[in-house]
PDB file of all heavy atoms in Angstrom:
ATOM      1  N   GLU A   1       8.527 -13.484  27.184  1.00  0.00           N
ATOM      2  CA  GLU A   1       9.116 -13.423  25.844  1.00  0.00           C
ATOM      3  C   GLU A   1       8.508 -12.256  25.086  1.00  0.00           C
ATOM      4  O   GLU A   1       7.290 -12.070  25.078  1.00  0.00           O
ATOM      5  CB  GLU A   1       8.848 -14.731  25.086  1.00  0.00           C
ATOM      6  CG  GLU A   1       9.531 -15.953  25.716  1.00  0.00           C
ATOM      7  CD  GLU A   1       9.304 -17.193  24.887  1.00  0.00           C
ATOM      8  OE1 GLU A   1       8.579 -17.080  23.882  1.00  0.00           O
ATOM      9  OE2 GLU A   1       9.843 -18.250  25.243  1.00  0.00           O
ATOM     10  N   GLN A   2       9.386 -11.458  24.498  1.00  0.00           N
ATOM     11  CA  GLN A   2       8.916 -10.319  23.714  1.00  0.00           C
ATOM     12  C   GLN A   2       8.519 -10.781  22.320  1.00  0.00           C
ATOM     13  O   GLN A   2       9.244 -11.534  21.670  1.00  0.00           O
ATOM     14  CB  GLN A   2      10.012  -9.261  23.610  1.00  0.00           C
ATOM     15  CG  GLN A   2      10.400  -8.655  24.961  1.00  0.00           C
ATOM     16  CD  GLN A   2      11.457  -7.602  24.801  1.00  0.00           C
ATOM     17  OE1 GLN A   2      11.955  -7.382  23.701  1.00  0.00           O
ATOM     18  NE2 GLN A   2      11.786  -6.942  25.907  1.00  0.00           N
ATOM     19  N   ALA A   3       7.367 -10.293  21.916  1.00  0.00           N
ATOM     20  CA  ALA A   3       6.868 -10.673  20.587  1.00  0.00           C
ATOM     21  C   ALA A   3       7.684  -9.978  19.512  1.00  0.00           C
ATOM     22  O   ALA A   3       8.117  -8.838  19.673  1.00  0.00           O
ATOM     23  CB  ALA A   3       5.400 -10.301  20.462  1.00  0.00           C
ATOM     24  N   ALA A   4       7.924 -10.669  18.420  1.00  0.00           N
ATOM     25  CA  ALA A   4       8.682 -10.096  17.316  1.00  0.00           C
ATOM     26  C   ALA A   4       7.863  -9.015  16.643  1.00  0.00           C
ATOM     27  O   ALA A   4       6.637  -9.087  16.582  1.00  0.00           O
ATOM     28  CB  ALA A   4       9.033 -11.184  16.297  1.00  0.00           C
ATOM     29  N   PRO A   5       8.514  -7.918  16.180  1.00  0.00           N
ATOM     30  CA  PRO A   5       7.759  -6.847  15.526  1.00  0.00           C
ATOM     31  C   PRO A   5       7.134  -7.354  14.236  1.00  0.00           C
ATOM     32  O   PRO A   5       7.721  -8.139  13.493  1.00  0.00           O
ATOM     33  CB  PRO A   5       8.833  -5.780  15.252  1.00  0.00           C
ATOM     34  CG  PRO A   5      10.122  -6.524  15.220  1.00  0.00           C
ATOM     35  CD  PRO A   5       9.958  -7.640  16.198  1.00  0.00           C
ATOM     36  N   PRO A   6       5.895  -6.941  13.968  1.00  0.00           N
ATOM     37  CA  PRO A   6       5.228  -7.405  12.742  1.00  0.00           C
ATOM     38  C   PRO A   6       5.896  -6.834  11.508  1.00  0.00           C
ATOM     39  O   PRO A   6       6.330  -5.691  11.487  1.00  0.00           O
ATOM     40  CB  PRO A   6       3.802  -6.872  12.907  1.00  0.00           C
ATOM     41  CG  PRO A   6       3.933  -5.697  13.812  1.00  0.00           C
ATOM     42  CD  PRO A   6       5.048  -6.016  14.754  1.00  0.00           C
ATOM     43  N   SER A   7       6.051  -7.667  10.523  1.00  0.00           N
ATOM     44  CA  SER A   7       6.651  -7.226   9.257  1.00  0.00           C
ATOM     45  C   SER A   7       5.546  -6.662   8.383  1.00  0.00           C
ATOM     46  O   SER A   7       4.999  -7.311   7.504  1.00  0.00           O
ATOM     47  CB  SER A   7       7.349  -8.410   8.568  1.00  0.00           C
ATOM     48  OG  SER A   7       6.436  -9.469   8.399  1.00  0.00           O
ATOM     49  N   ALA A   8       5.196  -5.395   8.710  1.00  0.00           N
ATOM     50  CA  ALA A   8       4.068  -4.783   8.007  1.00  0.00           C
ATOM     51  C   ALA A   8       4.398  -4.532   6.543  1.00  0.00           C
ATOM     52  O   ALA A   8       3.562  -4.680   5.649  1.00  0.00           O
ATOM     53  CB  ALA A   8       3.685  -3.467   8.688  1.00  0.00           C
ATOM     54  N   GLY A   9       5.645  -4.150   6.290  1.00  0.00           N
ATOM     55  CA  GLY A   9       5.986  -3.811   4.907  1.00  0.00           C
ATOM     56  C   GLY A   9       5.910  -5.014   3.999  1.00  0.00           C
ATOM     57  O   GLY A   9       5.313  -4.990   2.927  1.00  0.00           O
ATOM     58  N   VAL A  10       6.462  -6.155   4.430  1.00  0.00           N
ATOM     59  CA  VAL A  10       6.449  -7.350   3.588  1.00  0.00           C
ATOM     60  C   VAL A  10       5.039  -7.890   3.449  1.00  0.00           C
ATOM     61  O   VAL A  10       4.607  -8.291   2.377  1.00  0.00           O
ATOM     62  CB  VAL A  10       7.397  -8.401   4.180  1.00  0.00           C
ATOM     63  CG1 VAL A  10       7.355  -9.677   3.383  1.00  0.00           C
ATOM     64  CG2 VAL A  10       8.817  -7.854   4.219  1.00  0.00           C
ATOM     65  N   ALA A  11       4.299  -7.882   4.594  1.00  0.00           N
ATOM     66  CA  ALA A  11       2.931  -8.401   4.513  1.00  0.00           C
ATOM     67  C   ALA A  11       2.087  -7.554   3.587  1.00  0.00           C
ATOM     68  O   ALA A  11       1.276  -8.049   2.821  1.00  0.00           O
ATOM     69  CB  ALA A  11       2.304  -8.453   5.909  1.00  0.00           C
ATOM     70  N   GLY A  12       2.268  -6.226   3.661  1.00  0.00           N
ATOM     71  CA  GLY A  12       1.485  -5.351   2.785  1.00  0.00           C
ATOM     72  C   GLY A  12       1.806  -5.591   1.330  1.00  0.00           C
ATOM     73  O   GLY A  12       0.925  -5.606   0.472  1.00  0.00           O
ATOM     74  N   MET A  13       3.070  -5.816   1.024  1.00  0.00           N
ATOM     75  CA  MET A  13       3.436  -6.037  -0.376  1.00  0.00           C
ATOM     76  C   MET A  13       2.927  -7.380  -0.862  1.00  0.00           C
ATOM     77  O   MET A  13       2.518  -7.523  -2.007  1.00  0.00           O
ATOM     78  CB  MET A  13       4.949  -5.938  -0.518  1.00  0.00           C
ATOM     79  CG  MET A  13       5.463  -4.501  -0.398  1.00  0.00           C
ATOM     80  SD  MET A  13       7.220  -4.390  -0.710  1.00  0.00           S
ATOM     81  CE  MET A  13       7.833  -5.170   0.744  1.00  0.00           C
ATOM     82  N   GLU A  14       2.950  -8.393   0.060  1.00  0.00           N
ATOM     83  CA  GLU A  14       2.418  -9.676  -0.381  1.00  0.00           C
ATOM     84  C   GLU A  14       0.916  -9.619  -0.572  1.00  0.00           C
ATOM     85  O   GLU A  14       0.349 -10.272  -1.440  1.00  0.00           O
ATOM     86  CB  GLU A  14       2.779 -10.744   0.661  1.00  0.00           C
ATOM     87  CG  GLU A  14       4.261 -11.067   0.689  1.00  0.00           C
ATOM     88  CD  GLU A  14       4.578 -12.115   1.721  1.00  0.00           C
ATOM     89  OE1 GLU A  14       3.648 -12.492   2.449  1.00  0.00           O
ATOM     90  OE2 GLU A  14       5.743 -12.552   1.777  1.00  0.00           O
ATOM     91  N   GLY A  15       0.248  -8.774   0.262  1.00  0.00           N
ATOM     92  CA  GLY A  15      -1.202  -8.669   0.113  1.00  0.00           C
ATOM     93  C   GLY A  15      -1.608  -7.955  -1.144  1.00  0.00           C
ATOM     94  O   GLY A  15      -2.767  -8.009  -1.543  1.00  0.00           O
ATOM     95  N   MET A  16      -0.673  -7.229  -1.783  1.00  0.00           N
ATOM     96  CA  MET A  16      -1.018  -6.509  -3.003  1.00  0.00           C
ATOM     97  C   MET A  16      -1.089  -7.437  -4.197  1.00  0.00           C
ATOM     98  O   MET A  16      -1.404  -7.021  -5.308  1.00  0.00           O
ATOM     99  CB  MET A  16       0.014  -5.404  -3.262  1.00  0.00           C
ATOM    100  CG  MET A  16      -0.006  -4.305  -2.215  1.00  0.00           C
ATOM    101  SD  MET A  16       1.336  -3.139  -2.417  1.00  0.00           S
ATOM    102  CE  MET A  16       0.944  -2.473  -4.011  1.00  0.00           C
ATOM    103  N   GLY A  17      -0.793  -8.683  -4.010  1.00  0.00           N
ATOM    104  CA  GLY A  17      -0.967  -9.619  -5.115  1.00  0.00           C
ATOM    105  C   GLY A  17       0.321 -10.047  -5.746  1.00  0.00           C
ATOM    106  O   GLY A  17       0.332 -10.917  -6.606  1.00  0.00           O
ATOM    107  N   GLY A  18       1.437  -9.491  -5.380  1.00  0.00           N
ATOM    108  CA  GLY A  18       2.708  -9.859  -5.979  1.00  0.00           C
ATOM    109  C   GLY A  18       3.604 -10.483  -4.941  1.00  0.00           C
ATOM    110  O   GLY A  18       3.302 -10.517  -3.759  1.00  0.00           O
ATOM    111  N   SER A  19       4.712 -10.988  -5.389  1.00  0.00           N
ATOM    112  CA  SER A  19       5.671 -11.585  -4.473  1.00  0.00           C
ATOM    113  C   SER A  19       6.433 -10.491  -3.742  1.00  0.00           C
ATOM    114  O   SER A  19       6.554  -9.365  -4.235  1.00  0.00           O
ATOM    115  CB  SER A  19       6.639 -12.485  -5.247  1.00  0.00           C
ATOM    116  OG  SER A  19       7.380 -11.702  -6.170  1.00  0.00           O
ATOM    117  N   ALA A  20       6.969 -10.853  -2.582  1.00  0.00           N
ATOM    118  CA  ALA A  20       7.694  -9.859  -1.781  1.00  0.00           C
ATOM    119  C   ALA A  20       8.950  -9.409  -2.497  1.00  0.00           C
ATOM    120  O   ALA A  20       9.286  -8.237  -2.501  1.00  0.00           O
ATOM    121  CB  ALA A  20       8.032 -10.445  -0.419  1.00  0.00           C
ATOM    122  N   GLY A  21       9.666 -10.347  -3.107  1.00  0.00           N
ATOM    123  CA  GLY A  21      10.912  -9.982  -3.775  1.00  0.00           C
ATOM    124  C   GLY A  21      10.683  -9.066  -4.955  1.00  0.00           C
ATOM    125  O   GLY A  21      11.369  -8.079  -5.151  1.00  0.00           O
ATOM    126  N   GLY A  22       9.660  -9.382  -5.753  1.00  0.00           N
ATOM    127  CA  GLY A  22       9.415  -8.550  -6.922  1.00  0.00           C
ATOM    128  C   GLY A  22       8.962  -7.160  -6.552  1.00  0.00           C
ATOM    129  O   GLY A  22       9.409  -6.164  -7.116  1.00  0.00           O
ATOM    130  N   VAL A  23       8.069  -7.049  -5.564  1.00  0.00           N
ATOM    131  CA  VAL A  23       7.586  -5.734  -5.173  1.00  0.00           C
ATOM    132  C   VAL A  23       8.698  -4.916  -4.544  1.00  0.00           C
ATOM    133  O   VAL A  23       8.830  -3.723  -4.782  1.00  0.00           O
ATOM    134  CB  VAL A  23       6.384  -5.895  -4.212  1.00  0.00           C
ATOM    135  CG1 VAL A  23       5.930  -4.536  -3.705  1.00  0.00           C
ATOM    136  CG2 VAL A  23       5.244  -6.583  -4.935  1.00  0.00           C
ATOM    137  N   MET A  24       9.522  -5.593  -3.716  1.00  0.00           N
ATOM    138  CA  MET A  24      10.630  -4.878  -3.087  1.00  0.00           C
ATOM    139  C   MET A  24      11.593  -4.360  -4.139  1.00  0.00           C
ATOM    140  O   MET A  24      12.076  -3.237  -4.064  1.00  0.00           O
ATOM    141  CB  MET A  24      11.355  -5.798  -2.100  1.00  0.00           C
ATOM    142  CG  MET A  24      12.500  -5.122  -1.346  1.00  0.00           C
ATOM    143  SD  MET A  24      11.941  -3.787  -0.303  1.00  0.00           S
ATOM    144  CE  MET A  24      11.100  -4.747   0.965  1.00  0.00           C
ATOM    145  N   GLY A  25      11.892  -5.181  -5.136  1.00  0.00           N
ATOM    146  CA  GLY A  25      12.784  -4.719  -6.193  1.00  0.00           C
ATOM    147  C   GLY A  25      12.185  -3.554  -6.956  1.00  0.00           C
ATOM    148  O   GLY A  25      12.886  -2.609  -7.313  1.00  0.00           O
ATOM    149  N   GLY A  26      10.860  -3.616  -7.205  1.00  0.00           N
ATOM    150  CA  GLY A  26      10.236  -2.505  -7.920  1.00  0.00           C
ATOM    151  C   GLY A  26      10.243  -1.227  -7.121  1.00  0.00           C
ATOM    152  O   GLY A  26      10.476  -0.139  -7.651  1.00  0.00           O
TER     153      GLY A  26
END
């Protein structure tokens, strides 16, 4: 089974302290 690619962009935005949706919109 191939591992799913890591969602680096979403994880990075969540680690910045904000929600993924809000950071993505910004």
